[in-house]
Amino acid sequence: MKIAVVGATGMVGEVMLNVLAERNFPVTELIPVASAKSVGKEIEFKGKKYVIKSMEEAVKMKPSIAIFSAGGATSLEWAPKFAEAGITVIDNSSAWRMDATKKLVVPEINASELTKEDKIIANPNCSTIQLVMALAPLHKAYGIKRVVVSTYQSITGTGVKAVQQLENEYKGEKGEMAYNYPIHRNAIPHCDVFESNGYTKEEMKLVNETKKILRDDTVLVTATAVRIPVVGGHSEAVNIEFAKDFEINDIRRILHETPGVVVQDNTDTNTYPMPLYAEGKNEVFVGRIRRDETQHNTVNMWIVADNLRKGAATNTIQIAEYLLANDLV
């Protein structure tokens, strides 16, 4: 099983390598790929050194799977070239997510849709993945009419530059800015770029990707995405209106029985999800589950996950695991 990791030196790429190792994915040969300035350098994986390759070299080496985390422009240019060579691409950028010919996959929800013909598979946005992990089983049980989600997103979603900005601000030092404003002791209601409707791209990803993954355009979604000075993961305050009534304990039970979801919901012991404890974990954590007392058939909950793990790297590796287990590569 020859695996290429495109963007191997980036923040998500490094986590992907860690997850591949932790989950003992059967890599017989690793092909790390990065930008021209990194080609020829070495990285270490499971105690062995590998030389970073160029895109052209990686295609010629014919890996079975190429995991992309190098930005949308790179994916748009190179994913088709890998696919034409018979290589299955799992892409972590936004490039292919809303392409009607490409599957947008969260393995616990819709991996069964995948076939051998799917040569470019899209990994959803980090904030979408943790949201739909909780929504999907509840949609099946009660039918979701409307979702209102406000996100509190980790700076790691922006990248190394943002982490450095926060560290500089902690120390009171000047440095390169990832954001238009200080992030230390601040909350910035601006994730990605603004679109003509006044929403950001991040907010519209939550709207559009959720509908595609749930395969239901009747689900109404509205979102506000906010960047906050944490590194452990993304948090979401979610209000969900159902077509049918429910019992709170049944909501907890359904989520508890959902693979990949951990319910942390005990107000007596102050038990609830937080990015501080989600960091480095692969699960999606759900808590603060309570009925919305202002509206029929509506529930509030708080959803947290490590955006570099389940929000990116872990979900990608799980797709690769599914392909391998089902002889689709």
C-alpha atoms as a PDB file:
ATOM      1  CA  MET A   1       0.000   0.000   0.000  1.00  0.00           C
ATOM      2  CA  LYS A   2       1.906   2.971  -1.384  1.00  0.00           C
ATOM      3  CA  ILE A   3       0.574   6.262   0.050  1.00  0.00           C
ATOM      4  CA  ALA A   4       1.338   9.822  -1.014  1.00  0.00           C
ATOM      5  CA  VAL A   5       0.733  12.673   1.439  1.00  0.00           C
ATOM      6  CA  VAL A   6       0.571  15.935  -0.499  1.00  0.00           C
ATOM      7  CA  GLY A   7       1.293  18.858   1.803  1.00  0.00           C
ATOM      8  CA  ALA A   8       3.260  16.623   4.176  1.00  0.00           C
ATOM      9  CA  THR A   9       5.116  19.510   5.825  1.00  0.00           C
ATOM     10  CA  GLY A  10       1.994  21.570   6.579  1.00  0.00           C
ATOM     11  CA  MET A  11       0.072  21.650   9.861  1.00  0.00           C
ATOM     12  CA  VAL A  12      -2.616  19.189   8.700  1.00  0.00           C
ATOM     13  CA  GLY A  13      -0.108  17.110   6.736  1.00  0.00           C
ATOM     14  CA  GLU A  14       1.946  16.511   9.864  1.00  0.00           C
ATOM     15  CA  VAL A  15      -1.162  15.412  11.764  1.00  0.00           C
ATOM     16  CA  MET A  16      -2.059  13.093   8.882  1.00  0.00           C
ATOM     17  CA  LEU A  17       1.311  11.383   9.219  1.00  0.00           C
ATOM     18  CA  ASN A  18       0.747  11.025  12.972  1.00  0.00           C
ATOM     19  CA  VAL A  19      -2.726   9.546  12.447  1.00  0.00           C
ATOM     20  CA  LEU A  20      -1.450   7.108   9.800  1.00  0.00           C
ATOM     21  CA  ALA A  21       1.140   5.901  12.323  1.00  0.00           C
ATOM     22  CA  GLU A  22      -1.215   5.792  15.314  1.00  0.00           C
ATOM     23  CA  ARG A  23      -3.869   3.809  13.451  1.00  0.00           C
ATOM     24  CA  ASN A  24      -1.258   1.435  11.987  1.00  0.00           C
ATOM     25  CA  PHE A  25      -2.434   2.087   8.461  1.00  0.00           C
ATOM     26  CA  PRO A  26      -0.591  -0.509   6.325  1.00  0.00           C
ATOM     27  CA  VAL A  27       1.787   1.882   4.546  1.00  0.00           C
ATOM     28  CA  THR A  28       4.384  -0.113   2.631  1.00  0.00           C
ATOM     29  CA  GLU A  29       5.900   2.999   1.072  1.00  0.00           C
ATOM     30  CA  LEU A  30       5.305   6.621   2.033  1.00  0.00           C
ATOM     31  CA  ILE A  31       5.647   9.348  -0.585  1.00  0.00           C
ATOM     32  CA  PRO A  32       5.761  12.734   1.146  1.00  0.00           C
ATOM     33  CA  VAL A  33       5.032  15.581  -1.261  1.00  0.00           C
ATOM     34  CA  ALA A  34       5.473  19.296  -0.613  1.00  0.00           C
ATOM     35  CA  SER A  35       6.232  22.591  -2.334  1.00  0.00           C
ATOM     36  CA  ALA A  36       9.351  23.095  -4.439  1.00  0.00           C
ATOM     37  CA  LYS A  37      11.291  24.667  -1.550  1.00  0.00           C
ATOM     38  CA  SER A  38      10.886  21.446   0.499  1.00  0.00           C
ATOM     39  CA  VAL A  39      11.668  18.918  -2.257  1.00  0.00           C
ATOM     40  CA  GLY A  40      14.772  16.892  -1.427  1.00  0.00           C
ATOM     41  CA  LYS A  41      14.499  17.438   2.324  1.00  0.00           C
ATOM     42  CA  GLU A  42      13.699  14.544   4.624  1.00  0.00           C
ATOM     43  CA  ILE A  43      10.870  13.803   7.018  1.00  0.00           C
ATOM     44  CA  GLU A  44      10.578  10.919   9.477  1.00  0.00           C
ATOM     45  CA  PHE A  45       7.679   8.470   9.595  1.00  0.00           C
ATOM     46  CA  LYS A  46       7.592   5.528  12.006  1.00  0.00           C
ATOM     47  CA  GLY A  47      11.323   5.745  12.634  1.00  0.00           C
ATOM     48  CA  LYS A  48      12.288   5.810   8.967  1.00  0.00           C
ATOM     49  CA  LYS A  49      13.397   8.789   6.873  1.00  0.00           C
ATOM     50  CA  TYR A  50      11.693   9.642   3.583  1.00  0.00           C
ATOM     51  CA  VAL A  51      12.762  12.184   0.969  1.00  0.00           C
ATOM     52  CA  ILE A  52      10.153  14.775   0.010  1.00  0.00           C
ATOM     53  CA  LYS A  53       9.125  14.446  -3.629  1.00  0.00           C
ATOM     54  CA  SER A  54       7.689  16.828  -6.212  1.00  0.00           C
ATOM     55  CA  MET A  55       4.196  16.423  -7.633  1.00  0.00           C
ATOM     56  CA  GLU A  56       5.561  15.097 -10.924  1.00  0.00           C
ATOM     57  CA  GLU A  57       7.663  12.477  -9.148  1.00  0.00           C
ATOM     58  CA  ALA A  58       4.752  11.397  -6.972  1.00  0.00           C
ATOM     59  CA  VAL A  59       2.463  10.783  -9.963  1.00  0.00           C
ATOM     60  CA  LYS A  60       5.159   8.678 -11.643  1.00  0.00           C
ATOM     61  CA  MET A  61       5.580   6.607  -8.461  1.00  0.00           C
ATOM     62  CA  LYS A  62       1.926   5.483  -8.768  1.00  0.00           C
ATOM     63  CA  PRO A  63       0.723   5.383  -5.155  1.00  0.00           C
ATOM     64  CA  SER A  64      -2.586   3.596  -4.520  1.00  0.00           C
ATOM     65  CA  ILE A  65      -3.923   6.588  -2.580  1.00  0.00           C
ATOM     66  CA  ALA A  66      -2.875  10.247  -2.542  1.00  0.00           C
ATOM     67  CA  ILE A  67      -4.026  12.288   0.442  1.00  0.00           C
ATOM     68  CA  PHE A  68      -4.105  15.982  -0.419  1.00  0.00           C
ATOM     69  CA  SER A  69      -3.831  18.814   2.097  1.00  0.00           C
ATOM     70  CA  ALA A  70      -2.119  21.547   0.130  1.00  0.00           C
ATOM     71  CA  GLY A  71      -4.883  24.043  -0.650  1.00  0.00           C
ATOM     72  CA  GLY A  72      -7.605  24.345  -3.250  1.00  0.00           C
ATOM     73  CA  ALA A  73      -5.496  25.652  -6.136  1.00  0.00           C
ATOM     74  CA  THR A  74      -3.064  22.732  -5.836  1.00  0.00           C
ATOM     75  CA  SER A  75      -5.945  20.253  -5.672  1.00  0.00           C
ATOM     76  CA  LEU A  76      -7.694  21.703  -8.711  1.00  0.00           C
ATOM     77  CA  GLU A  77      -4.488  21.447 -10.741  1.00  0.00           C
ATOM     78  CA  TRP A  78      -3.100  18.142  -9.529  1.00  0.00           C
ATOM     79  CA  ALA A  79      -5.914  15.908  -8.277  1.00  0.00           C
ATOM     80  CA  PRO A  80      -7.144  15.229 -11.851  1.00  0.00           C
ATOM     81  CA  LYS A  81      -3.583  14.337 -12.926  1.00  0.00           C
ATOM     82  CA  PHE A  82      -3.280  11.821 -10.101  1.00  0.00           C
ATOM     83  CA  ALA A  83      -6.755  10.454 -10.875  1.00  0.00           C
ATOM     84  CA  GLU A  84      -5.902  10.061 -14.580  1.00  0.00           C
ATOM     85  CA  ALA A  85      -2.936   7.928 -13.492  1.00  0.00           C
ATOM     86  CA  GLY A  86      -5.359   5.617 -11.656  1.00  0.00           C
ATOM     87  CA  ILE A  87      -4.533   6.992  -8.198  1.00  0.00           C
ATOM     88  CA  THR A  88      -7.389   7.553  -5.745  1.00  0.00           C
ATOM     89  CA  VAL A  89      -7.250  11.086  -4.331  1.00  0.00           C
ATOM     90  CA  ILE A  90      -8.754  12.031  -0.957  1.00  0.00           C
ATOM     91  CA  ASP A  91      -8.756  15.813  -0.930  1.00  0.00           C
ATOM     92  CA  ASN A  92      -8.906  17.927   2.221  1.00  0.00           C
ATOM     93  CA  SER A  93      -9.374  21.281   0.463  1.00  0.00           C
ATOM     94  CA  SER A  94     -12.634  22.948  -0.564  1.00  0.00           C
ATOM     95  CA  ALA A  95     -11.860  22.412  -4.264  1.00  0.00           C
ATOM     96  CA  TRP A  96     -14.166  19.464  -4.961  1.00  0.00           C
ATOM     97  CA  ARG A  97     -16.661  19.486  -2.088  1.00  0.00           C
ATOM     98  CA  MET A  98     -19.597  20.974  -3.938  1.00  0.00           C
ATOM     99  CA  ASP A  99     -18.784  19.342  -7.288  1.00  0.00           C
ATOM    100  CA  ALA A 100     -21.899  17.308  -8.122  1.00  0.00           C
ATOM    101  CA  THR A 101     -19.736  14.537  -9.590  1.00  0.00           C
ATOM    102  CA  LYS A 102     -17.664  14.085  -6.393  1.00  0.00           C
ATOM    103  CA  LYS A 103     -18.633  12.381  -3.110  1.00  0.00           C
ATOM    104  CA  LEU A 104     -18.351  14.423   0.088  1.00  0.00           C
ATOM    105  CA  VAL A 105     -17.643  11.835   2.749  1.00  0.00           C
ATOM    106  CA  VAL A 106     -17.818  11.422   6.508  1.00  0.00           C
ATOM    107  CA  PRO A 107     -17.221   7.650   6.842  1.00  0.00           C
ATOM    108  CA  GLU A 108     -19.631   7.076   9.742  1.00  0.00           C
ATOM    109  CA  ILE A 109     -22.416   8.679   7.687  1.00  0.00           C
ATOM    110  CA  ASN A 110     -22.000   7.978   3.983  1.00  0.00           C
ATOM    111  CA  ALA A 111     -18.876   5.951   3.142  1.00  0.00           C
ATOM    112  CA  SER A 112     -21.171   3.256   1.702  1.00  0.00           C
ATOM    113  CA  GLU A 113     -21.733   5.576  -1.296  1.00  0.00           C
ATOM    114  CA  LEU A 114     -18.112   5.106  -2.428  1.00  0.00           C
ATOM    115  CA  THR A 115     -17.187   2.933  -5.403  1.00  0.00           C
ATOM    116  CA  LYS A 116     -13.990   2.042  -7.288  1.00  0.00           C
ATOM    117  CA  GLU A 117     -14.930   4.691  -9.849  1.00  0.00           C
ATOM    118  CA  ASP A 118     -14.550   7.493  -7.281  1.00  0.00           C
ATOM    119  CA  LYS A 119     -11.034   8.687  -8.015  1.00  0.00           C
ATOM    120  CA  ILE A 120     -11.386  12.112  -6.345  1.00  0.00           C
ATOM    121  CA  ILE A 121     -13.112  12.023  -2.959  1.00  0.00           C
ATOM    122  CA  ALA A 122     -13.758  15.228  -1.025  1.00  0.00           C
ATOM    123  CA  ASN A 123     -13.145  15.592   2.711  1.00  0.00           C
ATOM    124  CA  PRO A 124     -15.654  18.063   4.213  1.00  0.00           C
ATOM    125  CA  ASN A 125     -14.812  21.273   6.021  1.00  0.00           C
ATOM    126  CA  CYS A 126     -13.680  20.831   9.629  1.00  0.00           C
ATOM    127  CA  SER A 127     -16.631  22.649  11.182  1.00  0.00           C
ATOM    128  CA  THR A 128     -19.073  20.736   8.966  1.00  0.00           C
ATOM    129  CA  ILE A 129     -17.706  17.311   9.929  1.00  0.00           C
ATOM    130  CA  GLN A 130     -18.278  17.693  13.658  1.00  0.00           C
ATOM    131  CA  LEU A 131     -21.717  19.222  13.048  1.00  0.00           C
ATOM    132  CA  VAL A 132     -23.020  16.437  10.795  1.00  0.00           C
ATOM    133  CA  MET A 133     -21.617  13.731  13.069  1.00  0.00           C
ATOM    134  CA  ALA A 134     -24.263  14.819  15.586  1.00  0.00           C
ATOM    135  CA  LEU A 135     -26.945  15.808  13.081  1.00  0.00           C
ATOM    136  CA  ALA A 136     -27.025  12.669  10.913  1.00  0.00           C
ATOM    137  CA  PRO A 137     -28.380  10.157  13.494  1.00  0.00           C
ATOM    138  CA  LEU A 138     -30.863  12.722  14.819  1.00  0.00           C
ATOM    139  CA  HIS A 139     -32.072  13.552  11.289  1.00  0.00           C
ATOM    140  CA  LYS A 140     -32.758   9.867  10.755  1.00  0.00           C
ATOM    141  CA  ALA A 141     -34.761   9.666  13.983  1.00  0.00           C
ATOM    142  CA  TYR A 142     -36.702  12.938  13.985  1.00  0.00           C
ATOM    143  CA  GLY A 143     -36.258  14.729  10.653  1.00  0.00           C
ATOM    144  CA  ILE A 144     -34.369  18.019  10.910  1.00  0.00           C
ATOM    145  CA  LYS A 145     -36.182  21.123   9.685  1.00  0.00           C
ATOM    146  CA  ARG A 146     -33.728  23.864  10.635  1.00  0.00           C
ATOM    147  CA  VAL A 147     -30.264  24.274  12.165  1.00  0.00           C
ATOM    148  CA  VAL A 148     -28.824  27.468  13.641  1.00  0.00           C
ATOM    149  CA  VAL A 149     -25.101  27.096  14.336  1.00  0.00           C
ATOM    150  CA  SER A 150     -22.572  29.512  15.825  1.00  0.00           C
ATOM    151  CA  THR A 151     -18.968  28.372  15.745  1.00  0.00           C
ATOM    152  CA  TYR A 152     -16.053  29.214  18.036  1.00  0.00           C
ATOM    153  CA  GLN A 153     -13.124  28.168  15.900  1.00  0.00           C
ATOM    154  CA  SER A 154      -9.528  27.374  16.759  1.00  0.00           C
ATOM    155  CA  ILE A 155      -6.757  29.442  15.198  1.00  0.00           C
ATOM    156  CA  THR A 156      -5.163  26.184  14.001  1.00  0.00           C
ATOM    157  CA  GLY A 157      -7.854  26.210  11.300  1.00  0.00           C
ATOM    158  CA  THR A 158      -6.059  29.219   9.816  1.00  0.00           C
ATOM    159  CA  GLY A 159      -2.620  27.628  10.053  1.00  0.00           C
ATOM    160  CA  VAL A 160       0.873  28.098  11.453  1.00  0.00           C
ATOM    161  CA  LYS A 161       0.873  31.837  10.788  1.00  0.00           C
ATOM    162  CA  ALA A 162      -2.140  32.308  13.089  1.00  0.00           C
ATOM    163  CA  VAL A 163      -0.582  30.224  15.863  1.00  0.00           C
ATOM    164  CA  GLN A 164       2.547  32.364  15.609  1.00  0.00           C
ATOM    165  CA  GLN A 165       0.457  35.544  15.742  1.00  0.00           C
ATOM    166  CA  LEU A 166      -1.209  34.425  18.982  1.00  0.00           C
ATOM    167  CA  GLU A 167       2.127  33.414  20.526  1.00  0.00           C
ATOM    168  CA  ASN A 168       3.631  36.793  19.588  1.00  0.00           C
ATOM    169  CA  GLU A 169       0.681  38.633  21.121  1.00  0.00           C
ATOM    170  CA  TYR A 170       0.927  36.590  24.332  1.00  0.00           C
ATOM    171  CA  LYS A 171       4.537  37.746  24.620  1.00  0.00           C
ATOM    172  CA  GLY A 172       3.757  41.328  23.611  1.00  0.00           C
ATOM    173  CA  GLU A 173       5.932  41.012  20.509  1.00  0.00           C
ATOM    174  CA  LYS A 174       5.312  42.408  17.020  1.00  0.00           C
ATOM    175  CA  GLY A 175       5.164  39.950  14.157  1.00  0.00           C
ATOM    176  CA  GLU A 176       3.418  38.848  10.986  1.00  0.00           C
ATOM    177  CA  MET A 177      -0.384  39.010  11.234  1.00  0.00           C
ATOM    178  CA  ALA A 178      -2.637  36.198  10.022  1.00  0.00           C
ATOM    179  CA  TYR A 179      -5.724  38.254  10.856  1.00  0.00           C
ATOM    180  CA  ASN A 180      -6.739  41.883  10.355  1.00  0.00           C
ATOM    181  CA  TYR A 181      -6.914  42.297  14.130  1.00  0.00           C
ATOM    182  CA  PRO A 182      -5.252  40.933  17.279  1.00  0.00           C
ATOM    183  CA  ILE A 183      -6.586  37.468  18.212  1.00  0.00           C
ATOM    184  CA  HIS A 184      -5.270  37.427  21.803  1.00  0.00           C
ATOM    185  CA  ARG A 185      -8.120  38.353  24.187  1.00  0.00           C
ATOM    186  CA  ASN A 186     -10.402  38.780  21.168  1.00  0.00           C
ATOM    187  CA  ALA A 187     -13.109  37.060  19.104  1.00  0.00           C
ATOM    188  CA  ILE A 188     -13.171  37.759  15.369  1.00  0.00           C
ATOM    189  CA  PRO A 189     -16.518  37.090  13.593  1.00  0.00           C
ATOM    190  CA  HIS A 190     -14.758  36.545  10.296  1.00  0.00           C
ATOM    191  CA  CYS A 191     -13.660  33.065   9.122  1.00  0.00           C
ATOM    192  CA  ASP A 192     -12.573  32.986   5.459  1.00  0.00           C
ATOM    193  CA  VAL A 193     -13.672  35.708   3.020  1.00  0.00           C
ATOM    194  CA  PHE A 194     -16.988  37.516   2.865  1.00  0.00           C
ATOM    195  CA  GLU A 195     -19.370  36.680   0.039  1.00  0.00           C
ATOM    196  CA  SER A 196     -21.944  38.934  -1.648  1.00  0.00           C
ATOM    197  CA  ASN A 197     -24.741  37.767   0.683  1.00  0.00           C
ATOM    198  CA  GLY A 198     -22.870  39.016   3.766  1.00  0.00           C
ATOM    199  CA  TYR A 199     -21.920  35.528   4.956  1.00  0.00           C
ATOM    200  CA  THR A 200     -18.365  34.206   4.914  1.00  0.00           C
ATOM    201  CA  LYS A 201     -17.261  31.231   2.838  1.00  0.00           C
ATOM    202  CA  GLU A 202     -16.863  29.254   6.080  1.00  0.00           C
ATOM    203  CA  GLU A 203     -20.483  29.948   6.999  1.00  0.00           C
ATOM    204  CA  MET A 204     -21.727  28.935   3.554  1.00  0.00           C
ATOM    205  CA  LYS A 205     -19.662  25.734   3.708  1.00  0.00           C
ATOM    206  CA  LEU A 206     -21.667  24.777   6.810  1.00  0.00           C
ATOM    207  CA  VAL A 207     -24.886  25.486   4.917  1.00  0.00           C
ATOM    208  CA  ASN A 208     -24.107  23.739   1.639  1.00  0.00           C
ATOM    209  CA  GLU A 209     -21.947  20.824   2.796  1.00  0.00           C
ATOM    210  CA  THR A 210     -24.424  19.819   5.501  1.00  0.00           C
ATOM    211  CA  LYS A 211     -27.218  19.499   2.930  1.00  0.00           C
ATOM    212  CA  LYS A 212     -24.999  17.471   0.597  1.00  0.00           C
ATOM    213  CA  ILE A 213     -23.798  15.035   3.286  1.00  0.00           C
ATOM    214  CA  LEU A 214     -27.294  14.538   4.696  1.00  0.00           C
ATOM    215  CA  ARG A 215     -28.599  14.257   1.107  1.00  0.00           C
ATOM    216  CA  ASP A 216     -31.480  16.546   1.974  1.00  0.00           C
ATOM    217  CA  ASP A 217     -31.855  20.040   0.507  1.00  0.00           C
ATOM    218  CA  THR A 218     -34.924  20.698   2.661  1.00  0.00           C
ATOM    219  CA  VAL A 219     -32.763  21.042   5.797  1.00  0.00           C
ATOM    220  CA  LEU A 220     -32.413  24.766   6.477  1.00  0.00           C
ATOM    221  CA  VAL A 221     -29.032  25.833   7.887  1.00  0.00           C
ATOM    222  CA  THR A 222     -27.853  29.264   8.967  1.00  0.00           C
ATOM    223  CA  ALA A 223     -24.424  29.922  10.459  1.00  0.00           C
ATOM    224  CA  THR A 224     -22.163  32.459  12.141  1.00  0.00           C
ATOM    225  CA  ALA A 225     -18.473  31.530  12.296  1.00  0.00           C
ATOM    226  CA  VAL A 226     -16.159  33.149  14.849  1.00  0.00           C
ATOM    227  CA  ARG A 227     -12.399  32.784  15.362  1.00  0.00           C
ATOM    228  CA  ILE A 228     -11.291  32.649  19.010  1.00  0.00           C
ATOM    229  CA  PRO A 229      -7.813  32.405  20.632  1.00  0.00           C
ATOM    230  CA  VAL A 230      -7.755  28.661  21.327  1.00  0.00           C
ATOM    231  CA  VAL A 231      -5.702  25.884  19.720  1.00  0.00           C
ATOM    232  CA  GLY A 232      -7.456  22.690  20.868  1.00  0.00           C
ATOM    233  CA  GLY A 233     -10.352  22.530  18.439  1.00  0.00           C
ATOM    234  CA  HIS A 234     -13.569  24.030  17.176  1.00  0.00           C
ATOM    235  CA  SER A 235     -16.690  24.475  19.331  1.00  0.00           C
ATOM    236  CA  GLU A 236     -20.244  24.930  18.063  1.00  0.00           C
ATOM    237  CA  ALA A 237     -23.449  26.103  19.720  1.00  0.00           C
ATOM    238  CA  VAL A 238     -26.208  24.392  17.755  1.00  0.00           C
ATOM    239  CA  ASN A 239     -29.991  24.843  17.796  1.00  0.00           C
ATOM    240  CA  ILE A 240     -31.886  22.090  15.948  1.00  0.00           C
ATOM    241  CA  GLU A 241     -35.591  22.117  15.075  1.00  0.00           C
ATOM    242  CA  PHE A 242     -37.099  18.693  14.305  1.00  0.00           C
ATOM    243  CA  ALA A 243     -40.229  17.655  12.444  1.00  0.00           C
ATOM    244  CA  LYS A 244     -41.096  15.273  15.312  1.00  0.00           C
ATOM    245  CA  ASP A 245     -41.063  15.654  19.073  1.00  0.00           C
ATOM    246  CA  PHE A 246     -38.409  13.900  21.165  1.00  0.00           C
ATOM    247  CA  GLU A 247     -37.339  12.969  24.666  1.00  0.00           C
ATOM    248  CA  ILE A 248     -34.023  14.449  25.815  1.00  0.00           C
ATOM    249  CA  ASN A 249     -32.859  11.071  27.113  1.00  0.00           C
ATOM    250  CA  ASP A 250     -33.531   9.548  23.681  1.00  0.00           C
ATOM    251  CA  ILE A 251     -31.377  12.268  22.070  1.00  0.00           C
ATOM    252  CA  ARG A 252     -28.570  11.396  24.497  1.00  0.00           C
ATOM    253  CA  ARG A 253     -29.007   7.671  23.851  1.00  0.00           C
ATOM    254  CA  ILE A 254     -28.930   8.065  20.052  1.00  0.00           C
ATOM    255  CA  LEU A 255     -25.779  10.179  20.220  1.00  0.00           C
ATOM    256  CA  HIS A 256     -24.189   7.805  22.740  1.00  0.00           C
ATOM    257  CA  GLU A 257     -24.794   4.905  20.337  1.00  0.00           C
ATOM    258  CA  THR A 258     -23.307   6.802  17.362  1.00  0.00           C
ATOM    259  CA  PRO A 259     -19.778   5.604  16.464  1.00  0.00           C
ATOM    260  CA  GLY A 260     -17.267   8.435  16.761  1.00  0.00           C
ATOM    261  CA  VAL A 261     -19.457  10.534  19.080  1.00  0.00           C
ATOM    262  CA  VAL A 262     -18.830  10.887  22.825  1.00  0.00           C
ATOM    263  CA  VAL A 263     -21.585  12.356  25.001  1.00  0.00           C
ATOM    264  CA  GLN A 264     -20.242  14.534  27.835  1.00  0.00           C
ATOM    265  CA  ASP A 265     -23.389  15.919  29.411  1.00  0.00           C
ATOM    266  CA  ASN A 266     -23.716  16.060  33.187  1.00  0.00           C
ATOM    267  CA  THR A 267     -24.373  19.487  34.676  1.00  0.00           C
ATOM    268  CA  ASP A 268     -24.211  18.048  38.211  1.00  0.00           C
ATOM    269  CA  THR A 269     -20.488  17.414  37.743  1.00  0.00           C
ATOM    270  CA  ASN A 270     -19.830  20.307  35.310  1.00  0.00           C
ATOM    271  CA  THR A 271     -19.138  17.774  32.569  1.00  0.00           C
ATOM    272  CA  TYR A 272     -19.316  19.207  29.065  1.00  0.00           C
ATOM    273  CA  PRO A 273     -17.086  19.302  25.975  1.00  0.00           C
ATOM    274  CA  MET A 274     -14.216  21.771  25.750  1.00  0.00           C
ATOM    275  CA  PRO A 275     -11.416  22.231  23.186  1.00  0.00           C
ATOM    276  CA  LEU A 276      -8.893  21.913  26.019  1.00  0.00           C
ATOM    277  CA  TYR A 277      -9.816  18.225  26.335  1.00  0.00           C
ATOM    278  CA  ALA A 278     -10.726  17.536  22.701  1.00  0.00           C
ATOM    279  CA  GLU A 279      -7.213  18.383  21.488  1.00  0.00           C
ATOM    280  CA  GLY A 280      -5.385  15.339  20.161  1.00  0.00           C
ATOM    281  CA  LYS A 281      -8.519  13.151  20.188  1.00  0.00           C
ATOM    282  CA  ASN A 282     -10.330  11.709  17.185  1.00  0.00           C
ATOM    283  CA  GLU A 283     -13.900  11.767  18.502  1.00  0.00           C
ATOM    284  CA  VAL A 284     -16.639  14.411  18.342  1.00  0.00           C
ATOM    285  CA  PHE A 285     -17.832  15.469  21.797  1.00  0.00           C
ATOM    286  CA  VAL A 286     -21.434  16.550  22.465  1.00  0.00           C
ATOM    287  CA  GLY A 287     -22.923  18.076  25.608  1.00  0.00           C
ATOM    288  CA  ARG A 288     -25.165  20.813  27.070  1.00  0.00           C
ATOM    289  CA  ILE A 289     -28.082  18.901  25.513  1.00  0.00           C
ATOM    290  CA  ARG A 290     -31.318  20.637  26.490  1.00  0.00           C
ATOM    291  CA  ARG A 291     -34.741  21.424  25.126  1.00  0.00           C
ATOM    292  CA  ASP A 292     -35.284  24.868  23.604  1.00  0.00           C
ATOM    293  CA  GLU A 293     -38.113  26.144  25.771  1.00  0.00           C
ATOM    294  CA  THR A 294     -39.095  28.860  23.289  1.00  0.00           C
ATOM    295  CA  GLN A 295     -39.968  26.611  20.349  1.00  0.00           C
ATOM    296  CA  HIS A 296     -41.613  23.236  19.729  1.00  0.00           C
ATOM    297  CA  ASN A 297     -39.505  20.172  18.827  1.00  0.00           C
ATOM    298  CA  THR A 298     -36.218  22.047  19.214  1.00  0.00           C
ATOM    299  CA  VAL A 299     -33.023  21.159  21.062  1.00  0.00           C
ATOM    300  CA  ASN A 300     -29.808  23.010  21.923  1.00  0.00           C
ATOM    301  CA  MET A 301     -26.408  21.328  22.128  1.00  0.00           C
ATOM    302  CA  TRP A 302     -22.671  22.085  22.246  1.00  0.00           C
ATOM    303  CA  ILE A 303     -20.352  20.212  19.868  1.00  0.00           C
ATOM    304  CA  VAL A 304     -16.539  20.176  20.101  1.00  0.00           C
ATOM    305  CA  ALA A 305     -13.836  18.394  18.088  1.00  0.00           C
ATOM    306  CA  ASP A 306     -10.151  18.745  17.285  1.00  0.00           C
ATOM    307  CA  ASN A 307     -10.318  20.424  13.879  1.00  0.00           C
ATOM    308  CA  LEU A 308      -6.946  19.019  12.800  1.00  0.00           C
ATOM    309  CA  ARG A 309      -8.021  15.480  13.760  1.00  0.00           C
ATOM    310  CA  LYS A 310     -11.641  14.494  13.030  1.00  0.00           C
ATOM    311  CA  GLY A 311     -12.062  17.839  11.273  1.00  0.00           C
ATOM    312  CA  ALA A 312      -9.308  16.995   8.784  1.00  0.00           C
ATOM    313  CA  ALA A 313      -6.640  14.290   9.147  1.00  0.00           C
ATOM    314  CA  THR A 314      -8.565  11.557  10.974  1.00  0.00           C
ATOM    315  CA  ASN A 315     -11.590  11.781   8.686  1.00  0.00           C
ATOM    316  CA  THR A 316      -9.286  11.547   5.653  1.00  0.00           C
ATOM    317  CA  ILE A 317      -7.485   8.471   6.995  1.00  0.00           C
ATOM    318  CA  GLN A 318     -10.823   6.863   7.886  1.00  0.00           C
ATOM    319  CA  ILE A 319     -11.885   7.268   4.247  1.00  0.00           C
ATOM    320  CA  ALA A 320      -8.640   5.562   3.180  1.00  0.00           C
ATOM    321  CA  GLU A 321      -9.287   2.763   5.692  1.00  0.00           C
ATOM    322  CA  TYR A 322     -12.776   2.243   4.267  1.00  0.00           C
ATOM    323  CA  LEU A 323     -11.444   2.091   0.698  1.00  0.00           C
ATOM    324  CA  LEU A 324      -8.873  -0.489   1.735  1.00  0.00           C
ATOM    325  CA  ALA A 325     -11.257  -2.613   3.813  1.00  0.00           C
ATOM    326  CA  ASN A 326     -13.774  -2.732   0.973  1.00  0.00           C
ATOM    327  CA  ASP A 327     -11.294  -3.390  -1.841  1.00  0.00           C
ATOM    328  CA  LEU A 328     -12.026  -0.058  -3.541  1.00  0.00           C
ATOM    329  CA  VAL A 329      -8.372   0.765  -4.357  1.00  0.00           C
END
